Amino acid sequence: MNKEQRFCQSCGMPLTEEVLGTNVDGSKNEDYCMYCYKDGNFLQNCTMEVLTDATSKEMIWRDGDEQYYPGGVTDPNYCVLKFTATDGRFYSDFYPRSFVIE
């Protein structure tokens, strides 16, 4: 029996057993990945939306993408995700750096 592929309801990452987030009691959460949800809390303050307009799709299309999406920009499996965040964190010189988006 094939189990339907599930995706994180926050970031859209394909969910596998290895990347499932955790609930407060430590159990696996079937809706969110470990990068978005840990110990019952969301780790990021961001939203995601799927852009379906041709302009957005064409803007990020690159030569060679047709090997993954043979139908080109209009391929039904090709989509553009837009992430909106208020803050973020990255590592530089082995130290975490945080920033706020205003």
PDB file of N, CA and C in Angstrom:
ATOM      1  N   MET A   1       0.847  -1.183   0.000  1.00  0.00           N
ATOM      2  CA  MET A   1       0.000   0.000   0.000  1.00  0.00           C
ATOM      3  C   MET A   1       0.891   1.245   0.000  1.00  0.00           C
ATOM      4  N   ASN A   2       0.694   2.150  -0.962  1.00  0.00           N
ATOM      5  CA  ASN A   2       1.467   3.375  -1.060  1.00  0.00           C
ATOM      6  C   ASN A   2       0.877   4.452  -0.174  1.00  0.00           C
ATOM      7  N   LYS A   3       1.708   5.017   0.669  1.00  0.00           N
ATOM      8  CA  LYS A   3       1.260   6.110   1.528  1.00  0.00           C
ATOM      9  C   LYS A   3       1.440   7.408   0.748  1.00  0.00           C
ATOM     10  N   GLU A   4       0.430   8.252   0.728  1.00  0.00           N
ATOM     11  CA  GLU A   4       0.493   9.510   0.003  1.00  0.00           C
ATOM     12  C   GLU A   4       1.552  10.420   0.613  1.00  0.00           C
ATOM     13  N   GLN A   5       2.352  11.072  -0.249  1.00  0.00           N
ATOM     14  CA  GLN A   5       3.391  11.992   0.216  1.00  0.00           C
ATOM     15  C   GLN A   5       2.740  13.150   0.953  1.00  0.00           C
ATOM     16  N   ARG A   6       3.245  13.442   2.138  1.00  0.00           N
ATOM     17  CA  ARG A   6       2.754  14.568   2.936  1.00  0.00           C
ATOM     18  C   ARG A   6       3.818  15.655   2.946  1.00  0.00           C
ATOM     19  N   PHE A   7       3.377  16.892   3.198  1.00  0.00           N
ATOM     20  CA  PHE A   7       4.267  18.034   3.215  1.00  0.00           C
ATOM     21  C   PHE A   7       4.040  18.845   4.482  1.00  0.00           C
ATOM     22  N   CYS A   8       5.117  19.461   4.973  1.00  0.00           N
ATOM     23  CA  CYS A   8       5.013  20.327   6.146  1.00  0.00           C
ATOM     24  C   CYS A   8       3.991  21.420   5.863  1.00  0.00           C
ATOM     25  N   GLN A   9       3.073  21.608   6.779  1.00  0.00           N
ATOM     26  CA  GLN A   9       2.021  22.603   6.608  1.00  0.00           C
ATOM     27  C   GLN A   9       2.513  24.023   6.834  1.00  0.00           C
ATOM     28  N   SER A  10       3.771  24.164   7.238  1.00  0.00           N
ATOM     29  CA  SER A  10       4.346  25.484   7.434  1.00  0.00           C
ATOM     30  C   SER A  10       5.267  25.866   6.281  1.00  0.00           C
ATOM     31  N   CYS A  11       6.239  25.011   5.945  1.00  0.00           N
ATOM     32  CA  CYS A  11       7.234  25.373   4.923  1.00  0.00           C
ATOM     33  C   CYS A  11       7.103  24.610   3.615  1.00  0.00           C
ATOM     34  N   GLY A  12       6.333  23.522   3.597  1.00  0.00           N
ATOM     35  CA  GLY A  12       6.145  22.773   2.370  1.00  0.00           C
ATOM     36  C   GLY A  12       7.147  21.661   2.125  1.00  0.00           C
ATOM     37  N   MET A  13       8.061  21.427   3.071  1.00  0.00           N
ATOM     38  CA  MET A  13       9.059  20.367   2.918  1.00  0.00           C
ATOM     39  C   MET A  13       8.365  19.002   2.878  1.00  0.00           C
ATOM     40  N   PRO A  14       8.823  18.100   1.992  1.00  0.00           N
ATOM     41  CA  PRO A  14       8.271  16.741   2.012  1.00  0.00           C
ATOM     42  C   PRO A  14       8.547  16.090   3.365  1.00  0.00           C
ATOM     43  N   LEU A  15       7.534  15.487   3.954  1.00  0.00           N
ATOM     44  CA  LEU A  15       7.687  14.884   5.278  1.00  0.00           C
ATOM     45  C   LEU A  15       8.035  13.404   5.171  1.00  0.00           C
ATOM     46  N   THR A  16       9.082  13.038   5.882  1.00  0.00           N
ATOM     47  CA  THR A  16       9.455  11.640   6.070  1.00  0.00           C
ATOM     48  C   THR A  16       9.589  11.436   7.572  1.00  0.00           C
ATOM     49  N   GLU A  17       9.665  10.192   7.994  1.00  0.00           N
ATOM     50  CA  GLU A  17       9.784   9.890   9.424  1.00  0.00           C
ATOM     51  C   GLU A  17      10.975  10.617  10.052  1.00  0.00           C
ATOM     52  N   GLU A  18      12.061  10.754   9.290  1.00  0.00           N
ATOM     53  CA  GLU A  18      13.297  11.352   9.817  1.00  0.00           C
ATOM     54  C   GLU A  18      13.185  12.852  10.086  1.00  0.00           C
ATOM     55  N   VAL A  19      12.277  13.549   9.416  1.00  0.00           N
ATOM     56  CA  VAL A  19      12.212  15.003   9.563  1.00  0.00           C
ATOM     57  C   VAL A  19      10.946  15.507  10.254  1.00  0.00           C
ATOM     58  N   LEU A  20      10.160  14.613  10.829  1.00  0.00           N
ATOM     59  CA  LEU A  20       8.938  15.047  11.513  1.00  0.00           C
ATOM     60  C   LEU A  20       9.264  15.889  12.743  1.00  0.00           C
ATOM     61  N   GLY A  21       8.467  16.929  12.961  1.00  0.00           N
ATOM     62  CA  GLY A  21       8.593  17.734  14.164  1.00  0.00           C
ATOM     63  C   GLY A  21       8.096  16.966  15.371  1.00  0.00           C
ATOM     64  N   THR A  22       8.200  17.586  16.548  1.00  0.00           N
ATOM     65  CA  THR A  22       7.781  16.907  17.776  1.00  0.00           C
ATOM     66  C   THR A  22       6.753  17.726  18.548  1.00  0.00           C
ATOM     67  N   ASN A  23       5.859  17.003  19.218  1.00  0.00           N
ATOM     68  CA  ASN A  23       4.861  17.625  20.085  1.00  0.00           C
ATOM     69  C   ASN A  23       5.460  17.861  21.470  1.00  0.00           C
ATOM     70  N   VAL A  24       4.702  18.517  22.352  1.00  0.00           N
ATOM     71  CA  VAL A  24       5.166  18.820  23.707  1.00  0.00           C
ATOM     72  C   VAL A  24       5.624  17.559  24.439  1.00  0.00           C
ATOM     73  N   ASP A  25       4.910  16.446  24.233  1.00  0.00           N
ATOM     74  CA  ASP A  25       5.259  15.202  24.926  1.00  0.00           C
ATOM     75  C   ASP A  25       6.375  14.412  24.237  1.00  0.00           C
ATOM     76  N   GLY A  26       6.960  14.980  23.170  1.00  0.00           N
ATOM     77  CA  GLY A  26       8.057  14.315  22.467  1.00  0.00           C
ATOM     78  C   GLY A  26       7.616  13.401  21.339  1.00  0.00           C
ATOM     79  N   SER A  27       6.309  13.177  21.199  1.00  0.00           N
ATOM     80  CA  SER A  27       5.821  12.337  20.104  1.00  0.00           C
ATOM     81  C   SER A  27       5.982  13.067  18.766  1.00  0.00           C
ATOM     82  N   LYS A  28       6.018  12.295  17.689  1.00  0.00           N
ATOM     83  CA  LYS A  28       6.183  12.870  16.351  1.00  0.00           C
ATOM     84  C   LYS A  28       4.915  13.595  15.930  1.00  0.00           C
ATOM     85  N   ASN A  29       5.089  14.725  15.258  1.00  0.00           N
ATOM     86  CA  ASN A  29       3.971  15.490  14.731  1.00  0.00           C
ATOM     87  C   ASN A  29       3.889  15.220  13.231  1.00  0.00           C
ATOM     88  N   GLU A  30       2.748  14.777  12.755  1.00  0.00           N
ATOM     89  CA  GLU A  30       2.564  14.373  11.360  1.00  0.00           C
ATOM     90  C   GLU A  30       2.309  15.550  10.414  1.00  0.00           C
ATOM     91  N   ASP A  31       2.181  16.768  10.935  1.00  0.00           N
ATOM     92  CA  ASP A  31       1.848  17.921  10.097  1.00  0.00           C
ATOM     93  C   ASP A  31       3.007  18.872   9.829  1.00  0.00           C
ATOM     94  N   TYR A  32       4.042  18.854  10.668  1.00  0.00           N
ATOM     95  CA  TYR A  32       5.122  19.831  10.549  1.00  0.00           C
ATOM     96  C   TYR A  32       6.493  19.161  10.612  1.00  0.00           C
ATOM     97  N   CYS A  33       7.474  19.773   9.955  1.00  0.00           N
ATOM     98  CA  CYS A  33       8.842  19.242   9.974  1.00  0.00           C
ATOM     99  C   CYS A  33       9.594  19.740  11.216  1.00  0.00           C
ATOM    100  N   MET A  34      10.748  19.121  11.471  1.00  0.00           N
ATOM    101  CA  MET A  34      11.544  19.469  12.651  1.00  0.00           C
ATOM    102  C   MET A  34      12.170  20.852  12.553  1.00  0.00           C
ATOM    103  N   TYR A  35      12.208  21.420  11.341  1.00  0.00           N
ATOM    104  CA  TYR A  35      12.777  22.755  11.178  1.00  0.00           C
ATOM    105  C   TYR A  35      11.748  23.841  11.495  1.00  0.00           C
ATOM    106  N   CYS A  36      10.483  23.466  11.512  1.00  0.00           N
ATOM    107  CA  CYS A  36       9.411  24.419  11.802  1.00  0.00           C
ATOM    108  C   CYS A  36       8.776  24.220  13.173  1.00  0.00           C
ATOM    109  N   TYR A  37       8.820  22.981  13.687  1.00  0.00           N
ATOM    110  CA  TYR A  37       8.048  22.667  14.893  1.00  0.00           C
ATOM    111  C   TYR A  37       8.831  21.710  15.781  1.00  0.00           C
ATOM    112  N   LYS A  38       9.093  22.129  17.029  1.00  0.00           N
ATOM    113  CA  LYS A  38       9.837  21.299  17.973  1.00  0.00           C
ATOM    114  C   LYS A  38       9.258  21.484  19.368  1.00  0.00           C
ATOM    115  N   ASP A  39       9.036  20.364  20.052  1.00  0.00           N
ATOM    116  CA  ASP A  39       8.516  20.384  21.423  1.00  0.00           C
ATOM    117  C   ASP A  39       7.218  21.186  21.548  1.00  0.00           C
ATOM    118  N   GLY A  40       6.392  21.123  20.484  1.00  0.00           N
ATOM    119  CA  GLY A  40       5.096  21.796  20.526  1.00  0.00           C
ATOM    120  C   GLY A  40       5.122  23.272  20.209  1.00  0.00           C
ATOM    121  N   ASN A  41       6.266  23.777  19.742  1.00  0.00           N
ATOM    122  CA  ASN A  41       6.391  25.201  19.431  1.00  0.00           C
ATOM    123  C   ASN A  41       6.900  25.405  18.014  1.00  0.00           C
ATOM    124  N   PHE A  42       6.389  26.453  17.366  1.00  0.00           N
ATOM    125  CA  PHE A  42       6.912  26.824  16.059  1.00  0.00           C
ATOM    126  C   PHE A  42       8.251  27.515  16.247  1.00  0.00           C
ATOM    127  N   LEU A  43       9.218  27.178  15.406  1.00  0.00           N
ATOM    128  CA  LEU A  43      10.561  27.720  15.534  1.00  0.00           C
ATOM    129  C   LEU A  43      10.777  28.977  14.706  1.00  0.00           C
ATOM    130  N   GLN A  44       9.968  29.184  13.717  1.00  0.00           N
ATOM    131  CA  GLN A  44      10.132  30.335  12.828  1.00  0.00           C
ATOM    132  C   GLN A  44       8.862  31.160  12.826  1.00  0.00           C
ATOM    133  N   ASN A  45       9.018  32.408  12.567  1.00  0.00           N
ATOM    134  CA  ASN A  45       7.860  33.288  12.424  1.00  0.00           C
ATOM    135  C   ASN A  45       7.786  33.676  10.950  1.00  0.00           C
ATOM    136  N   CYS A  46       7.222  32.771  10.135  1.00  0.00           N
ATOM    137  CA  CYS A  46       7.108  33.062   8.711  1.00  0.00           C
ATOM    138  C   CYS A  46       5.858  32.409   8.154  1.00  0.00           C
ATOM    139  N   THR A  47       5.466  32.882   6.993  1.00  0.00           N
ATOM    140  CA  THR A  47       4.346  32.292   6.289  1.00  0.00           C
ATOM    141  C   THR A  47       4.803  31.890   4.893  1.00  0.00           C
ATOM    142  N   MET A  48       4.041  31.029   4.245  1.00  0.00           N
ATOM    143  CA  MET A  48       4.365  30.591   2.906  1.00  0.00           C
ATOM    144  C   MET A  48       3.101  30.624   2.067  1.00  0.00           C
ATOM    145  N   GLU A  49       3.239  31.050   0.832  1.00  0.00           N
ATOM    146  CA  GLU A  49       2.114  30.982  -0.092  1.00  0.00           C
ATOM    147  C   GLU A  49       2.616  30.490  -1.436  1.00  0.00           C
ATOM    148  N   VAL A  50       1.747  29.868  -2.189  1.00  0.00           N
ATOM    149  CA  VAL A  50       2.083  29.371  -3.521  1.00  0.00           C
ATOM    150  C   VAL A  50       1.664  30.424  -4.532  1.00  0.00           C
ATOM    151  N   LEU A  51       2.627  30.868  -5.354  1.00  0.00           N
ATOM    152  CA  LEU A  51       2.332  31.847  -6.400  1.00  0.00           C
ATOM    153  C   LEU A  51       2.038  31.093  -7.689  1.00  0.00           C
ATOM    154  N   THR A  52       0.929  31.393  -8.317  1.00  0.00           N
ATOM    155  CA  THR A  52       0.539  30.675  -9.520  1.00  0.00           C
ATOM    156  C   THR A  52       0.559  31.543 -10.775  1.00  0.00           C
ATOM    157  N   ASP A  53       0.851  32.832 -10.626  1.00  0.00           N
ATOM    158  CA  ASP A  53       0.838  33.707 -11.786  1.00  0.00           C
ATOM    159  C   ASP A  53       2.072  33.479 -12.665  1.00  0.00           C
ATOM    160  N   ALA A  54       1.906  33.656 -13.958  1.00  0.00           N
ATOM    161  CA  ALA A  54       2.969  33.398 -14.934  1.00  0.00           C
ATOM    162  C   ALA A  54       4.192  34.276 -14.692  1.00  0.00           C
ATOM    163  N   THR A  55       3.991  35.524 -14.288  1.00  0.00           N
ATOM    164  CA  THR A  55       5.121  36.438 -14.070  1.00  0.00           C
ATOM    165  C   THR A  55       6.063  35.915 -12.986  1.00  0.00           C
ATOM    166  N   SER A  56       5.515  35.463 -11.880  1.00  0.00           N
ATOM    167  CA  SER A  56       6.342  34.925 -10.792  1.00  0.00           C
ATOM    168  C   SER A  56       7.064  33.663 -11.230  1.00  0.00           C
ATOM    169  N   LYS A  57       6.352  32.792 -11.945  1.00  0.00           N
ATOM    170  CA  LYS A  57       6.954  31.544 -12.396  1.00  0.00           C
ATOM    171  C   LYS A  57       8.088  31.801 -13.388  1.00  0.00           C
ATOM    172  N   GLU A  58       7.875  32.716 -14.315  1.00  0.00           N
ATOM    173  CA  GLU A  58       8.897  33.032 -15.318  1.00  0.00           C
ATOM    174  C   GLU A  58      10.095  33.738 -14.691  1.00  0.00           C
ATOM    175  N   MET A  59       9.870  34.503 -13.634  1.00  0.00           N
ATOM    176  CA  MET A  59      10.938  35.285 -13.004  1.00  0.00           C
ATOM    177  C   MET A  59      12.064  34.391 -12.477  1.00  0.00           C
ATOM    178  N   ILE A  60      11.739  33.224 -11.941  1.00  0.00           N
ATOM    179  CA  ILE A  60      12.794  32.386 -11.368  1.00  0.00           C
ATOM    180  C   ILE A  60      13.156  31.177 -12.231  1.00  0.00           C
ATOM    181  N   TRP A  61      12.475  31.016 -13.374  1.00  0.00           N
ATOM    182  CA  TRP A  61      12.785  29.907 -14.282  1.00  0.00           C
ATOM    183  C   TRP A  61      14.199  30.082 -14.834  1.00  0.00           C
ATOM    184  N   ARG A  62      14.956  28.999 -14.866  1.00  0.00           N
ATOM    185  CA  ARG A  62      16.333  29.023 -15.388  1.00  0.00           C
ATOM    186  C   ARG A  62      16.506  27.949 -16.444  1.00  0.00           C
ATOM    187  N   ASP A  63      17.411  28.202 -17.392  1.00  0.00           N
ATOM    188  CA  ASP A  63      17.741  27.182 -18.388  1.00  0.00           C
ATOM    189  C   ASP A  63      18.163  25.915 -17.661  1.00  0.00           C
ATOM    190  N   GLY A  64      17.659  24.799 -18.101  1.00  0.00           N
ATOM    191  CA  GLY A  64      17.963  23.528 -17.462  1.00  0.00           C
ATOM    192  C   GLY A  64      16.842  23.036 -16.567  1.00  0.00           C
ATOM    193  N   ASP A  65      15.936  23.933 -16.151  1.00  0.00           N
ATOM    194  CA  ASP A  65      14.830  23.520 -15.288  1.00  0.00           C
ATOM    195  C   ASP A  65      13.899  22.535 -15.985  1.00  0.00           C
ATOM    196  N   GLU A  66      13.925  22.537 -17.326  1.00  0.00           N
ATOM    197  CA  GLU A  66      13.037  21.633 -18.055  1.00  0.00           C
ATOM    198  C   GLU A  66      13.374  20.163 -17.825  1.00  0.00           C
ATOM    199  N   GLN A  67      14.580  19.877 -17.320  1.00  0.00           N
ATOM    200  CA  GLN A  67      14.888  18.476 -17.009  1.00  0.00           C
ATOM    201  C   GLN A  67      14.047  17.981 -15.839  1.00  0.00           C
ATOM    202  N   TYR A  68      13.601  18.895 -15.000  1.00  0.00           N
ATOM    203  CA  TYR A  68      12.729  18.538 -13.878  1.00  0.00           C
ATOM    204  C   TYR A  68      11.262  18.795 -14.199  1.00  0.00           C
ATOM    205  N   TYR A  69      11.009  19.781 -15.021  1.00  0.00           N
ATOM    206  CA  TYR A  69       9.649  20.171 -15.399  1.00  0.00           C
ATOM    207  C   TYR A  69       9.568  20.238 -16.917  1.00  0.00           C
ATOM    208  N   PRO A  70       9.345  19.095 -17.578  1.00  0.00           N
ATOM    209  CA  PRO A  70       9.355  19.038 -19.046  1.00  0.00           C
ATOM    210  C   PRO A  70       8.351  19.968 -19.714  1.00  0.00           C
ATOM    211  N   GLY A  71       7.282  20.295 -19.008  1.00  0.00           N
ATOM    212  CA  GLY A  71       6.272  21.190 -19.574  1.00  0.00           C
ATOM    213  C   GLY A  71       6.634  22.651 -19.466  1.00  0.00           C
ATOM    214  N   GLY A  72       7.832  22.955 -18.971  1.00  0.00           N
ATOM    215  CA  GLY A  72       8.266  24.345 -18.834  1.00  0.00           C
ATOM    216  C   GLY A  72       7.514  25.063 -17.726  1.00  0.00           C
ATOM    217  N   VAL A  73       7.403  26.361 -17.886  1.00  0.00           N
ATOM    218  CA  VAL A  73       6.772  27.206 -16.867  1.00  0.00           C
ATOM    219  C   VAL A  73       5.321  26.792 -16.620  1.00  0.00           C
ATOM    220  N   THR A  74       4.682  26.208 -17.623  1.00  0.00           N
ATOM    221  CA  THR A  74       3.276  25.812 -17.459  1.00  0.00           C
ATOM    222  C   THR A  74       3.121  24.372 -16.971  1.00  0.00           C
ATOM    223  N   ASP A  75       4.240  23.676 -16.694  1.00  0.00           N
ATOM    224  CA  ASP A  75       4.174  22.308 -16.178  1.00  0.00           C
ATOM    225  C   ASP A  75       3.339  22.309 -14.894  1.00  0.00           C
ATOM    226  N   PRO A  76       2.353  21.430 -14.773  1.00  0.00           N
ATOM    227  CA  PRO A  76       1.487  21.437 -13.583  1.00  0.00           C
ATOM    228  C   PRO A  76       2.214  21.125 -12.277  1.00  0.00           C
ATOM    229  N   ASN A  77       3.408  20.545 -12.345  1.00  0.00           N
ATOM    230  CA  ASN A  77       4.171  20.250 -11.133  1.00  0.00           C
ATOM    231  C   ASN A  77       5.117  21.379 -10.737  1.00  0.00           C
ATOM    232  N   TYR A  78       5.235  22.395 -11.562  1.00  0.00           N
ATOM    233  CA  TYR A  78       6.132  23.525 -11.281  1.00  0.00           C
ATOM    234  C   TYR A  78       5.371  24.593 -10.512  1.00  0.00           C
ATOM    235  N   CYS A  79       5.900  24.979  -9.354  1.00  0.00           N
ATOM    236  CA  CYS A  79       5.266  26.046  -8.588  1.00  0.00           C
ATOM    237  C   CYS A  79       6.338  26.925  -7.956  1.00  0.00           C
ATOM    238  N   VAL A  80       5.933  28.072  -7.532  1.00  0.00           N
ATOM    239  CA  VAL A  80       6.817  29.028  -6.879  1.00  0.00           C
ATOM    240  C   VAL A  80       6.283  29.252  -5.473  1.00  0.00           C
ATOM    241  N   LEU A  81       7.161  29.106  -4.490  1.00  0.00           N
ATOM    242  CA  LEU A  81       6.781  29.347  -3.106  1.00  0.00           C
ATOM    243  C   LEU A  81       7.328  30.689  -2.657  1.00  0.00           C
ATOM    244  N   LYS A  82       6.506  31.468  -1.999  1.00  0.00           N
ATOM    245  CA  LYS A  82       6.911  32.770  -1.464  1.00  0.00           C
ATOM    246  C   LYS A  82       6.900  32.690   0.052  1.00  0.00           C
ATOM    247  N   PHE A  83       8.058  32.899   0.660  1.00  0.00           N
ATOM    248  CA  PHE A  83       8.183  32.898   2.109  1.00  0.00           C
ATOM    249  C   PHE A  83       8.239  34.332   2.594  1.00  0.00           C
ATOM    250  N   THR A  84       7.492  34.612   3.643  1.00  0.00           N
ATOM    251  CA  THR A  84       7.505  35.932   4.262  1.00  0.00           C
ATOM    252  C   THR A  84       7.880  35.736   5.726  1.00  0.00           C
ATOM    253  N   ALA A  85       8.930  36.420   6.160  1.00  0.00           N
ATOM    254  CA  ALA A  85       9.417  36.260   7.532  1.00  0.00           C
ATOM    255  C   ALA A  85       9.561  37.620   8.205  1.00  0.00           C
ATOM    256  N   THR A  86       9.608  37.602   9.525  1.00  0.00           N
ATOM    257  CA  THR A  86       9.826  38.836  10.286  1.00  0.00           C
ATOM    258  C   THR A  86      11.210  38.860  10.906  1.00  0.00           C
ATOM    259  N   ASP A  87      11.846  37.685  10.986  1.00  0.00           N
ATOM    260  CA  ASP A  87      13.191  37.609  11.537  1.00  0.00           C
ATOM    261  C   ASP A  87      13.858  36.343  11.012  1.00  0.00           C
ATOM    262  N   GLY A  88      15.132  36.213  11.279  1.00  0.00           N
ATOM    263  CA  GLY A  88      15.854  35.033  10.830  1.00  0.00           C
ATOM    264  C   GLY A  88      17.133  34.823  11.620  1.00  0.00           C
ATOM    265  N   ARG A  89      17.815  33.720  11.306  1.00  0.00           N
ATOM    266  CA  ARG A  89      19.051  33.384  11.997  1.00  0.00           C
ATOM    267  C   ARG A  89      19.954  32.619  11.035  1.00  0.00           C
ATOM    268  N   PHE A  90      21.232  32.914  11.056  1.00  0.00           N
ATOM    269  CA  PHE A  90      22.186  32.208  10.223  1.00  0.00           C
ATOM    270  C   PHE A  90      23.495  32.065  10.996  1.00  0.00           C
ATOM    271  N   TYR A  91      24.391  31.268  10.465  1.00  0.00           N
ATOM    272  CA  TYR A  91      25.681  31.059  11.110  1.00  0.00           C
ATOM    273  C   TYR A  91      26.783  31.673  10.265  1.00  0.00           C
ATOM    274  N   SER A  92      27.685  32.395  10.916  1.00  0.00           N
ATOM    275  CA  SER A  92      28.826  33.024  10.257  1.00  0.00           C
ATOM    276  C   SER A  92      30.023  32.911  11.194  1.00  0.00           C
ATOM    277  N   ASP A  93      31.120  32.405  10.671  1.00  0.00           N
ATOM    278  CA  ASP A  93      32.321  32.216  11.493  1.00  0.00           C
ATOM    279  C   ASP A  93      32.026  31.383  12.733  1.00  0.00           C
ATOM    280  N   PHE A  94      31.176  30.369  12.567  1.00  0.00           N
ATOM    281  CA  PHE A  94      30.819  29.421  13.623  1.00  0.00           C
ATOM    282  C   PHE A  94      29.985  30.032  14.751  1.00  0.00           C
ATOM    283  N   TYR A  95      29.419  31.215  14.537  1.00  0.00           N
ATOM    284  CA  TYR A  95      28.575  31.838  15.549  1.00  0.00           C
ATOM    285  C   TYR A  95      27.192  32.120  14.966  1.00  0.00           C
ATOM    286  N   PRO A  96      26.148  31.918  15.771  1.00  0.00           N
ATOM    287  CA  PRO A  96      24.806  32.241  15.271  1.00  0.00           C
ATOM    288  C   PRO A  96      24.599  33.749  15.238  1.00  0.00           C
ATOM    289  N   ARG A  97      23.967  34.207  14.190  1.00  0.00           N
ATOM    290  CA  ARG A  97      23.622  35.637  14.035  1.00  0.00           C
ATOM    291  C   ARG A  97      22.127  35.722  13.811  1.00  0.00           C
ATOM    292  N   SER A  98      21.484  36.629  14.495  1.00  0.00           N
ATOM    293  CA  SER A  98      20.050  36.845  14.326  1.00  0.00           C
ATOM    294  C   SER A  98      19.812  38.204  13.708  1.00  0.00           C
ATOM    295  N   PHE A  99      18.704  38.327  12.981  1.00  0.00           N
ATOM    296  CA  PHE A  99      18.367  39.621  12.384  1.00  0.00           C
ATOM    297  C   PHE A  99      16.854  39.773  12.347  1.00  0.00           C
ATOM    298  N   VAL A 100      16.411  41.030  12.261  1.00  0.00           N
ATOM    299  CA  VAL A 100      14.991  41.358  12.189  1.00  0.00           C
ATOM    300  C   VAL A 100      14.741  42.019  10.844  1.00  0.00           C
ATOM    301  N   ILE A 101      13.667  41.631  10.188  1.00  0.00           N
ATOM    302  CA  ILE A 101      13.287  42.217   8.912  1.00  0.00           C
ATOM    303  C   ILE A 101      12.236  43.280   9.186  1.00  0.00           C
ATOM    304  N   GLU A 102      12.540  44.498   8.815  1.00  0.00           N
ATOM    305  CA  GLU A 102      11.597  45.605   9.072  1.00  0.00           C
ATOM    306  C   GLU A 102      10.910  46.042   7.824  1.00  0.00           C
TER     307      GLU A 102
END
